[in-house]
Structures are given as structure tokens and as C-alpha cells.
Amino acid sequence: MNDPAPQARASALLRRPKLWIVPTVLSGLLALLLSLLYMGGIVNPQGDLKDLPIALVNADTGKPLPGQERNLGTQIAGAIMSDTSSDKADWRRLTRARAQDELDAGKVYGALVIPPDFTASVGALTTTGATERPTLTVLTNPGKGSLGSSLAAQISTQAAHQASQTIGEQLTRSAPRADATLKLLLADPVAVATEVGHPVGTHSGLGLTAFYYTLLLVLAGFMGGNIISNGVDTALGYADNEIGPWHTRLPTVPISRTQTLLLKMAMTAGITLVTVSLVMLACVTVLDMDATHLPLLWIYSYCASLAVGLGVQAINAAFGGIGQLVSMFVFIVLGLPSSGATVPLQAVPGFYRFLSHFEPMRQLGDGVRAILYFDARGDAGLTRAWTMTAMGAVLGVLFGFAMALYYDRKGHRRLTPQPA
């Protein structure tokens, strides 16, 4: 009887430098890249902020004050629009109705509104007819995310306070005999009121449910695609099945790479029906997430998650063993910081704005946000989301089958690994 071969010991293998090199380099590189990518997108939103869309509404219809050619609303709007000291805001001068429409479509993060009676109420401060301080209104848009709405509110409030100080200097000069109390009022005469310009539901996570729901769709497509890929490889005998101490190896089924990819994609299309339905069941029914247009939300959720799943299968077919790592970078690592969901794209470095033009999570998130918060309007991002989702799915399928066909024609058959 032959003696069993001596078994290796961990203590001996740990002394082999080659055993350490690959996992150490890959783990360290992954940790470094994750840190730079994730923290790089959120570490300095104020410093990176540029051209945040904010509406400016001048509804002031009052006559100019004595000695002035324009009413105060026109003066304030002109000063804000001509200010070149900062590029943080992209002020859009709109009518009140147009500004509300752009708030409802998610095209602006907020608005600064000058009311119709503004000049008249300011002029009344120097007379006995003053009853209350004139007010500028800052409108927020929580549907664009809490941080983006907050940044817009800060910029609008700062502009309103600056206008108040400028007006205060004019009023103080025009009323040199005012008593101390009136001078204190005239120095900063304008109050600023903050209101919600486009409200979202109380079960909308302060505008964050769209991001987390999108993340669920991406994760369902990503993890589901990899589970299906591994499951098919195991069932066809191209991978071992090991659970705890139990190990099985099924007979290898002769099949081409192209047919294997077709099988995996067909199963992805079927299983995604189940996963997306369960995601909606958990979020909308069990957790009571605010959601309307439920049939449309389900259809879009299915197409979005399916596009991710098909992309995962294509990448796995092209890259083999490292396909899961590649798809993780494509759909998650690069997708999260460039999604514009938690931090506005106007407040991230240019590299992430570049990624946002084609990274899947941004495209899918725009569609979900439009459905959940902006009445499923096409101009709120839904039209673009449908277009980009369809393009991504088609490109993924074409890429996957092109690579599989190439490997088959070159004779690169899938080999069955044998024990050493």
C-alpha cells in the first residue's frame, strides 16, 4: 500500500514570498483606489462647487424709490446676475411660474424670489406706514437631495443678506434723522424666509430614497448576475461546488462560450423579474416608501436591474476569473461617487463629472428620481435615463457576444481544472 503524500503546513507556506505577492498587491491597490475614489467625491463639496442651478425670480412691480431709476427688485436681480466674484451658482432669471416648473422638474436646486410688493414695503420703512419687514423668499428642492438643496439655500440666503445690507446703506443715507431704533432696522431691513419649493413625501428619506432604491437595483443586478454565472458554471461542471466540508463536482457539459453566455443572459432576464419584484415589495409595501406611478416604477426597475445583470454577464464572459472585480468597478466603485445622488455633480471634482456622462448608476438614479419625486416627467431626467439604460444594455450584450464568439472561433475552449 502506498503511503499518503505528506500534507503541506500553513506555517511552511507562509514563508513563501510568492504566495503573498498577488493578494497583497491587489488588496492594497483596491483599498487605495476605494479610498481615493469615495472620499475624493465628497471631501470638499463647497470647494468643488461650481454652477449649481438656482432660479432667480424678480416679481417686484413697485415704482422706483425717489431718486432711483429702477425698483429694488430689478436692482437686486441685476446685482446678482452681474456678480462675477463667485462661480458657485448658475443663476437662472425666470418668471415665478417658470421657476416653479423647473423646481417641479428637478432642473434647479432652489430659488430666490423677490415678491411683487418688495419696493413698496421697503419704502414704507422710512414712513409711519411700516407694518412689517419686507421679505425675500428662499425656496428649496429636497427632491434633488438634502445636500444639494442645502447648498442652494445657503447661496440664496447669502445673496439675500447681501441685498439687505446694500438696501440698508441706501435707506440709512436717505433717513439721516432717524432714531437709534429705526437706524438699527434700516441697517438690515430685509427678512429672509425659507420655504419648500417642491415638497417630497415624509417617507422619502429627505430626498435620499431615490439613491438607495437605485443602489438596491444595481446591487440586485450585480450580485444576481454573479450568482447566476457561478451557479451555471457549477451546474455545467466548469466549477467546483464546496459548502463547508462537502464538495461536489458535476460532469462537464460540452458547450461553447457563446451558448453559455446566452444561457446566463436568459436566466438573468427571468430571475431579475423575481428580484425586482421583491425589492419593490420590501420598499413600497413593507417599509411604506413614498412612491407613485408604481407600474412604471416596476417596469423601469426591471429594465435598470436587467441592464446591470446583462453587463455583468458580458464582463464575466470577456474577462473570466477577474470579471467580478471588473464589474464591481464599473457598476459600483466608479458609479457611487459619480451618481450625483448624495453630492450634486456640480459639487464634485471634474473627474467625477466626466464619469457621470456614462456611468450606469447616474443614469439609473436620474430615472428613479424622476419617477419618485418629479411625477415621472421626461424632462426631469426620465427620457435620458431610458435612452442611456437601453444603450447600456445593448452595448453590454454586443460586447459580451463579440468576445464569446471571438474566443470560440480562436478555439479557446473552457478547460476543466484538474487537481494537482
Protein backbone atom coordinates (compact mmCIF):
# COMPACT_ATOMS: atom_id res chain seq x y z
CA MET A 1 0.00 0.00 0.00
CA ASN A 2 1.35 3.41 -0.98
CA ASP A 3 1.88 5.89 1.82
CA PRO A 4 -0.25 9.04 1.53
CA ALA A 5 1.60 12.07 0.25
CA PRO A 6 2.76 14.36 3.04
CA GLN A 7 0.44 17.34 3.55
CA ALA A 8 1.71 20.89 3.50
CA ARG A 9 1.52 23.01 6.64
CA ALA A 10 0.39 26.62 6.80
CA SER A 11 3.48 27.64 8.77
CA ALA A 12 5.70 26.47 5.93
CA LEU A 13 3.60 28.03 3.17
CA LEU A 14 3.54 31.39 4.95
CA ARG A 15 7.29 31.61 4.44
CA ARG A 16 6.89 31.58 0.66
CA PRO A 17 7.08 35.20 -0.62
CA LYS A 18 5.35 34.37 -3.91
CA LEU A 19 2.23 33.33 -2.01
CA TRP A 20 1.94 36.83 -0.56
CA ILE A 21 2.66 38.98 -3.61
CA VAL A 22 -0.57 38.83 -5.64
CA PRO A 23 -3.14 39.08 -2.81
CA THR A 24 -1.13 41.79 -1.06
CA VAL A 25 -0.76 43.93 -4.17
CA LEU A 26 -4.40 43.51 -5.24
CA SER A 27 -5.81 44.10 -1.74
CA GLY A 28 -3.64 47.16 -1.17
CA LEU A 29 -4.40 48.62 -4.59
CA LEU A 30 -8.12 48.06 -4.11
CA ALA A 31 -8.07 49.72 -0.67
CA LEU A 32 -6.14 52.70 -2.06
CA LEU A 33 -8.43 53.15 -5.05
CA LEU A 34 -11.60 52.84 -2.96
CA SER A 35 -10.32 55.44 -0.51
CA LEU A 36 -9.32 57.90 -3.22
CA LEU A 37 -12.49 57.46 -5.27
CA TYR A 38 -15.06 57.52 -2.49
CA MET A 39 -13.55 60.22 -0.29
CA GLY A 40 -12.42 62.25 -3.30
CA GLY A 41 -16.02 62.78 -4.32
CA ILE A 42 -17.35 64.09 -1.01
CA VAL A 43 -14.44 65.55 0.96
CA ASN A 44 -14.81 69.17 -0.21
CA PRO A 45 -18.20 69.90 -1.83
CA GLN A 46 -18.02 73.62 -1.00
CA GLY A 47 -14.60 73.96 -2.61
CA ASP A 48 -15.56 71.94 -5.70
CA LEU A 49 -18.96 73.61 -6.11
CA LYS A 50 -19.45 75.23 -9.50
CA ASP A 51 -22.53 76.36 -11.46
CA LEU A 52 -25.25 74.98 -9.18
CA PRO A 53 -28.54 75.79 -10.98
CA ILE A 54 -30.67 78.21 -8.91
CA ALA A 55 -33.70 80.17 -10.11
CA LEU A 56 -33.92 83.93 -9.56
CA VAL A 57 -37.43 85.37 -9.66
CA ASN A 58 -37.99 89.12 -9.71
CA ALA A 59 -41.73 89.66 -9.33
CA ASP A 60 -41.34 93.22 -7.97
CA THR A 61 -43.84 95.55 -9.67
CA GLY A 62 -43.32 98.59 -7.44
CA LYS A 63 -42.26 102.02 -8.66
CA PRO A 64 -38.65 103.10 -8.08
CA LEU A 65 -37.90 104.91 -4.84
CA PRO A 66 -37.32 108.66 -5.06
CA GLY A 67 -34.06 109.47 -6.82
CA GLN A 68 -33.69 105.98 -8.34
CA GLU A 69 -34.30 104.80 -11.90
CA ARG A 70 -35.15 101.16 -11.15
CA ASN A 71 -37.14 99.48 -8.43
CA LEU A 72 -35.29 97.49 -5.78
CA GLY A 73 -36.22 94.09 -7.22
CA THR A 74 -34.62 94.96 -10.54
CA GLN A 75 -31.55 96.32 -8.75
CA ILE A 76 -31.14 93.14 -6.67
CA ALA A 77 -31.64 90.84 -9.66
CA GLY A 78 -29.19 92.85 -11.74
CA ALA A 79 -26.56 92.79 -9.00
CA ILE A 80 -26.86 89.03 -8.53
CA MET A 81 -26.71 88.26 -12.24
CA SER A 82 -23.72 90.53 -12.82
CA ASP A 83 -21.71 89.32 -9.82
CA THR A 84 -18.57 87.59 -11.10
CA SER A 85 -16.84 87.19 -7.75
CA SER A 86 -18.02 83.58 -7.46
CA ASP A 87 -18.95 80.80 -9.90
CA LYS A 88 -20.67 78.58 -7.34
CA ALA A 89 -24.16 79.34 -8.65
CA ASP A 90 -25.66 79.28 -12.12
CA TRP A 91 -28.42 81.87 -11.60
CA ARG A 92 -31.35 81.47 -13.98
CA ARG A 93 -33.59 84.53 -14.21
CA LEU A 94 -37.13 83.15 -14.55
CA THR A 95 -40.74 84.10 -14.00
CA ARG A 96 -42.44 82.72 -10.91
CA ALA A 97 -44.40 80.18 -12.95
CA ARG A 98 -41.34 79.07 -14.89
CA ALA A 99 -39.28 78.75 -11.72
CA GLN A 100 -41.94 76.54 -10.16
CA ASP A 101 -41.99 74.38 -13.28
CA GLU A 102 -38.21 73.92 -13.11
CA LEU A 103 -38.44 73.10 -9.40
CA ASP A 104 -41.10 70.50 -10.22
CA ALA A 105 -38.88 69.06 -12.97
CA GLY A 106 -35.76 68.93 -10.80
CA LYS A 107 -33.89 71.31 -13.10
CA VAL A 108 -32.95 73.73 -10.31
CA TYR A 109 -31.87 73.07 -6.74
CA GLY A 110 -33.70 76.06 -5.31
CA ALA A 111 -34.93 79.59 -5.98
CA LEU A 112 -34.70 83.13 -4.63
CA VAL A 113 -37.99 85.01 -5.01
CA ILE A 114 -38.42 88.80 -4.82
CA PRO A 115 -42.15 89.47 -4.09
CA PRO A 116 -44.36 91.91 -6.07
CA ASP A 117 -44.62 94.47 -3.25
CA PHE A 118 -40.94 94.45 -2.31
CA THR A 119 -40.03 98.03 -3.28
CA ALA A 120 -43.21 99.39 -1.73
CA SER A 121 -42.65 97.56 1.57
CA VAL A 122 -39.03 98.73 1.74
CA GLY A 123 -40.05 102.32 1.05
CA ALA A 124 -42.62 102.13 3.84
CA LEU A 125 -39.87 101.51 6.40
CA THR A 126 -38.91 105.20 6.37
CA THR A 127 -42.50 106.28 6.96
CA THR A 128 -45.07 105.74 9.67
CA GLY A 129 -46.80 103.21 7.40
CA ALA A 130 -44.32 100.41 8.06
CA THR A 131 -46.05 97.31 9.47
CA GLU A 132 -43.50 94.55 8.91
CA ARG A 133 -40.10 93.91 7.40
CA PRO A 134 -40.01 93.21 3.67
CA THR A 135 -39.19 89.58 2.94
CA LEU A 136 -37.21 87.68 0.32
CA THR A 137 -38.17 84.03 -0.02
CA VAL A 138 -35.72 81.16 -0.48
CA LEU A 139 -37.30 78.04 -1.99
CA THR A 140 -35.68 74.63 -1.51
CA ASN A 141 -35.97 71.48 -3.60
CA PRO A 142 -35.49 68.41 -1.36
CA GLY A 143 -36.19 66.13 -4.30
CA LYS A 144 -32.68 66.98 -5.56
CA GLY A 145 -31.16 65.62 -2.35
CA SER A 146 -30.68 67.18 1.05
CA LEU A 147 -27.11 68.36 0.42
CA GLY A 148 -27.84 69.94 -2.97
CA SER A 149 -30.94 71.67 -1.66
CA SER A 150 -29.00 72.90 1.38
CA LEU A 151 -26.18 74.30 -0.77
CA ALA A 152 -28.69 76.17 -2.94
CA ALA A 153 -30.42 77.54 0.17
CA GLN A 154 -27.09 78.75 1.60
CA ILE A 155 -26.18 80.55 -1.64
CA SER A 156 -29.65 82.11 -1.96
CA THR A 157 -29.70 83.20 1.68
CA GLN A 158 -26.26 84.75 1.38
CA ALA A 159 -27.38 86.68 -1.73
CA ALA A 160 -30.50 87.88 0.10
CA HIS A 161 -28.49 89.11 3.11
CA GLN A 162 -26.07 90.90 0.80
CA ALA A 163 -29.01 92.62 -0.89
CA SER A 164 -30.41 93.59 2.51
CA GLN A 165 -27.14 95.24 3.53
CA THR A 166 -26.95 97.15 0.24
CA ILE A 167 -30.52 98.38 0.61
CA GLY A 168 -29.81 99.24 4.24
CA GLU A 169 -26.97 101.55 3.23
CA GLN A 170 -29.30 103.38 0.82
CA LEU A 171 -32.06 103.74 3.42
CA THR A 172 -29.68 104.92 6.13
CA ARG A 173 -28.39 107.69 3.86
CA SER A 174 -31.94 108.73 2.96
CA ALA A 175 -33.04 108.98 6.62
CA PRO A 176 -30.23 110.80 8.49
CA ARG A 177 -32.58 111.97 11.27
CA ALA A 178 -33.92 108.53 12.15
CA ASP A 179 -33.72 107.50 15.80
CA ALA A 180 -31.43 104.70 17.00
CA THR A 181 -34.13 102.03 16.82
CA LEU A 182 -35.10 102.91 13.26
CA LYS A 183 -31.47 103.09 12.17
CA LEU A 184 -30.92 99.59 13.51
CA LEU A 185 -33.88 98.37 11.46
CA LEU A 186 -32.78 100.24 8.35
CA ALA A 187 -29.25 98.81 8.53
CA ASP A 188 -30.57 95.31 7.77
CA PRO A 189 -34.15 95.83 6.65
CA VAL A 190 -34.95 92.62 4.75
CA ALA A 191 -36.04 89.35 6.32
CA VAL A 192 -35.34 86.03 4.64
CA ALA A 193 -37.93 83.25 4.74
CA THR A 194 -37.16 79.68 3.70
CA GLU A 195 -39.91 77.52 2.22
CA VAL A 196 -40.07 74.19 0.42
CA GLY A 197 -40.46 74.88 -3.27
CA HIS A 198 -41.15 71.30 -4.33
CA PRO A 199 -42.13 69.06 -1.40
CA VAL A 200 -41.49 65.32 -1.24
CA GLY A 201 -43.25 62.81 0.98
CA THR A 202 -42.41 62.23 4.61
CA HIS A 203 -41.32 58.68 3.73
CA SER A 204 -38.81 59.85 1.13
CA GLY A 205 -35.73 59.90 3.35
CA LEU A 206 -35.29 63.67 2.89
CA GLY A 207 -34.72 63.05 -0.80
CA LEU A 208 -32.42 60.06 -0.37
CA THR A 209 -34.78 57.15 -1.08
CA ALA A 210 -34.13 57.55 -4.82
CA PHE A 211 -30.41 56.97 -4.27
CA TYR A 212 -30.81 53.95 -2.01
CA TYR A 213 -33.51 52.43 -4.21
CA THR A 214 -31.19 52.83 -7.22
CA LEU A 215 -28.37 51.26 -5.23
CA LEU A 216 -30.63 48.28 -4.49
CA LEU A 217 -31.37 47.84 -8.20
CA VAL A 218 -27.67 47.97 -9.06
CA LEU A 219 -26.74 45.55 -6.29
CA ALA A 220 -29.55 43.18 -7.26
CA GLY A 221 -28.31 43.16 -10.85
CA PHE A 222 -24.65 42.89 -9.86
CA MET A 223 -24.98 40.17 -7.22
CA GLY A 224 -27.69 38.33 -9.11
CA GLY A 225 -25.58 38.28 -12.27
CA ASN A 226 -22.58 36.86 -10.44
CA ILE A 227 -24.67 34.29 -8.57
CA ILE A 228 -26.21 33.12 -11.85
CA SER A 229 -22.80 32.99 -13.54
CA ASN A 230 -21.26 30.92 -10.75
CA GLY A 231 -24.33 28.71 -10.49
CA VAL A 232 -24.35 27.91 -14.20
CA ASP A 233 -20.61 27.16 -14.21
CA THR A 234 -21.09 24.79 -11.28
CA ALA A 235 -24.12 23.09 -12.83
CA LEU A 236 -22.26 22.59 -16.12
CA GLY A 237 -19.22 21.12 -14.42
CA TYR A 238 -16.82 24.01 -15.01
CA ALA A 239 -16.52 24.93 -11.32
CA ASP A 240 -16.47 23.03 -8.04
CA ASN A 241 -19.28 23.31 -5.52
CA GLU A 242 -17.94 23.46 -1.99
CA ILE A 243 -20.14 24.13 1.05
CA GLY A 244 -18.37 23.60 4.35
CA PRO A 245 -16.82 20.12 4.32
CA TRP A 246 -18.99 18.97 1.42
CA HIS A 247 -17.52 19.07 -2.06
CA THR A 248 -19.11 18.04 -5.34
CA ARG A 249 -18.03 18.18 -8.95
CA LEU A 250 -20.66 17.57 -11.59
CA PRO A 251 -19.90 16.04 -15.01
CA THR A 252 -18.74 18.62 -17.52
CA VAL A 253 -21.33 19.51 -20.17
CA PRO A 254 -19.72 20.26 -23.55
CA ILE A 255 -20.92 23.74 -24.51
CA SER A 256 -19.43 26.72 -26.30
CA ARG A 257 -18.72 30.04 -24.66
CA THR A 258 -21.38 31.71 -26.81
CA GLN A 259 -24.08 29.26 -25.78
CA THR A 260 -23.02 29.53 -22.15
CA LEU A 261 -23.37 33.33 -22.28
CA LEU A 262 -26.77 33.01 -23.95
CA LEU A 263 -27.90 30.67 -21.18
CA LYS A 264 -26.67 33.02 -18.44
CA MET A 265 -28.31 36.07 -20.01
CA ALA A 266 -31.62 34.27 -20.48
CA MET A 267 -31.59 33.17 -16.84
CA THR A 268 -30.70 36.73 -15.80
CA ALA A 269 -33.74 38.06 -17.65
CA GLY A 270 -36.00 35.57 -15.88
CA ILE A 271 -34.59 35.79 -12.35
CA THR A 272 -34.49 39.61 -12.43
CA LEU A 273 -38.30 39.52 -12.59
CA VAL A 274 -38.27 37.96 -9.13
CA THR A 275 -35.54 40.09 -7.55
CA VAL A 276 -37.01 43.41 -8.70
CA SER A 277 -40.48 42.44 -7.54
CA LEU A 278 -39.08 41.58 -4.10
CA VAL A 279 -37.18 44.89 -3.94
CA MET A 280 -40.40 46.80 -4.64
CA LEU A 281 -42.35 44.63 -2.21
CA ALA A 282 -39.87 45.35 0.58
CA CYS A 283 -39.50 49.08 -0.09
CA VAL A 284 -43.02 50.12 -1.04
CA THR A 285 -45.25 47.61 0.77
CA VAL A 286 -43.30 46.60 3.87
CA LEU A 287 -41.33 49.82 4.54
CA ASP A 288 -44.01 52.18 3.14
CA MET A 289 -41.62 54.18 0.97
CA ASP A 290 -43.38 57.06 -0.78
CA ALA A 291 -43.82 56.05 -4.41
CA THR A 292 -46.25 56.81 -7.21
CA HIS A 293 -46.54 55.52 -10.78
CA LEU A 294 -45.99 52.01 -9.43
CA PRO A 295 -46.41 50.12 -12.74
CA LEU A 296 -43.89 52.46 -14.39
CA LEU A 297 -41.55 52.17 -11.40
CA TRP A 298 -41.65 48.36 -11.66
CA ILE A 299 -41.02 48.35 -15.42
CA TYR A 300 -38.15 50.81 -15.13
CA SER A 301 -36.69 48.96 -12.13
CA TYR A 302 -36.73 45.71 -14.07
CA CYS A 303 -35.06 47.22 -17.13
CA ALA A 304 -32.46 49.01 -14.99
CA SER A 305 -31.51 45.95 -12.94
CA LEU A 306 -31.56 43.75 -16.05
CA ALA A 307 -29.17 46.11 -17.84
CA VAL A 308 -26.74 45.75 -14.93
CA GLY A 309 -27.13 41.97 -14.87
CA LEU A 310 -26.53 41.66 -18.61
CA GLY A 311 -23.47 43.87 -18.26
CA VAL A 312 -22.12 41.63 -15.50
CA GLN A 313 -22.56 38.54 -17.68
CA ALA A 314 -20.83 40.25 -20.61
CA ILE A 315 -17.87 41.33 -18.46
CA ASN A 316 -17.54 37.87 -16.91
CA ALA A 317 -17.58 36.31 -20.37
CA ALA A 318 -14.87 38.69 -21.57
CA PHE A 319 -12.56 38.73 -18.52
CA GLY A 320 -13.14 35.34 -16.93
CA GLY A 321 -11.92 34.98 -13.35
CA ILE A 322 -11.35 38.71 -12.76
CA GLY A 323 -14.70 39.62 -14.31
CA GLN A 324 -16.37 40.07 -10.92
CA LEU A 325 -13.71 42.58 -9.89
CA VAL A 326 -14.01 44.47 -13.18
CA SER A 327 -17.79 44.63 -12.99
CA MET A 328 -17.58 45.80 -9.37
CA PHE A 329 -15.52 48.78 -10.51
CA VAL A 330 -17.79 49.52 -13.47
CA PHE A 331 -21.11 49.36 -11.64
CA ILE A 332 -20.29 50.21 -8.01
CA VAL A 333 -16.82 51.61 -7.28
CA LEU A 334 -16.90 54.23 -10.05
CA GLY A 335 -20.67 54.53 -10.03
CA LEU A 336 -21.32 55.65 -6.46
CA PRO A 337 -19.20 58.83 -6.35
CA SER A 338 -20.28 59.88 -9.86
CA SER A 339 -24.01 59.24 -9.38
CA GLY A 340 -24.81 62.79 -8.26
CA ALA A 341 -27.33 61.34 -5.81
CA THR A 342 -25.87 62.27 -2.43
CA VAL A 343 -23.49 65.05 -3.58
CA PRO A 344 -24.57 67.16 -6.59
CA LEU A 345 -22.42 66.72 -9.66
CA GLN A 346 -21.80 70.48 -9.53
CA ALA A 347 -20.06 69.92 -6.17
CA VAL A 348 -17.66 67.11 -7.12
CA PRO A 349 -14.28 67.27 -8.92
CA GLY A 350 -14.27 67.29 -12.71
CA PHE A 351 -13.18 63.66 -12.94
CA TYR A 352 -16.47 62.51 -11.43
CA ARG A 353 -18.48 64.84 -13.65
CA PHE A 354 -16.78 63.19 -16.62
CA LEU A 355 -17.67 59.73 -15.32
CA SER A 356 -21.28 60.78 -14.77
CA HIS A 357 -21.86 61.07 -18.51
CA PHE A 358 -21.76 57.28 -18.92
CA GLU A 359 -21.52 55.58 -15.51
CA PRO A 360 -24.65 53.41 -15.07
CA MET A 361 -25.62 54.47 -11.55
CA ARG A 362 -26.05 58.13 -12.52
CA GLN A 363 -28.29 57.18 -15.47
CA LEU A 364 -30.42 54.79 -13.42
CA GLY A 365 -30.63 57.20 -10.49
CA ASP A 366 -31.96 60.01 -12.68
CA GLY A 367 -34.78 57.77 -13.84
CA VAL A 368 -35.71 56.60 -10.36
CA ARG A 369 -35.59 60.18 -9.00
CA ALA A 370 -37.85 61.42 -11.80
CA ILE A 371 -40.41 58.70 -11.08
CA LEU A 372 -40.35 59.02 -7.28
CA TYR A 373 -40.14 62.80 -6.85
CA PHE A 374 -40.94 64.59 -10.11
CA ASP A 375 -44.14 62.99 -11.37
CA ALA A 376 -42.30 60.79 -13.89
CA ARG A 377 -41.65 63.78 -16.13
CA GLY A 378 -39.45 63.11 -19.13
CA ASP A 379 -37.67 66.46 -18.78
CA ALA A 380 -36.86 65.62 -15.15
CA GLY A 381 -34.35 63.05 -16.39
CA LEU A 382 -36.58 60.08 -17.21
CA THR A 383 -36.23 60.37 -21.00
CA ARG A 384 -32.45 60.46 -20.80
CA ALA A 385 -32.47 57.61 -18.27
CA TRP A 386 -34.49 55.35 -20.58
CA THR A 387 -32.20 56.18 -23.50
CA MET A 388 -28.97 55.56 -21.60
CA THR A 389 -30.30 52.37 -19.97
CA ALA A 390 -31.26 50.94 -23.36
CA MET A 391 -27.91 51.92 -24.87
CA GLY A 392 -26.03 50.38 -21.96
CA ALA A 393 -27.94 47.10 -22.21
CA VAL A 394 -27.42 46.84 -25.98
CA LEU A 395 -23.71 47.67 -25.74
CA GLY A 396 -23.27 45.12 -22.95
CA VAL A 397 -24.94 42.35 -24.95
CA LEU A 398 -22.98 43.17 -28.11
CA PHE A 399 -19.68 43.32 -26.20
CA GLY A 400 -20.31 40.03 -24.41
CA PHE A 401 -21.26 38.07 -27.51
CA ALA A 402 -18.48 39.63 -29.57
CA MET A 403 -15.90 38.43 -27.06
CA ALA A 404 -17.50 34.99 -26.66
CA LEU A 405 -17.66 34.47 -30.43
CA TYR A 406 -14.04 35.60 -30.78
CA TYR A 407 -12.89 33.10 -28.15
CA ASP A 408 -14.90 30.30 -29.76
CA ARG A 409 -13.50 30.99 -33.23
CA LYS A 410 -9.97 31.08 -31.84
CA GLY A 411 -10.54 27.69 -30.23
CA HIS A 412 -10.20 28.97 -26.66
CA ARG A 413 -12.36 26.34 -25.05
CA ARG A 414 -13.21 26.42 -21.40
CA LEU A 415 -10.89 23.93 -19.74
CA THR A 416 -11.82 21.77 -16.79
CA PRO A 417 -9.30 22.29 -13.99
CA GLN A 418 -7.82 19.11 -12.56
CA PRO A 419 -6.35 18.60 -9.09
CA ALA A 420 -2.55 18.85 -8.96
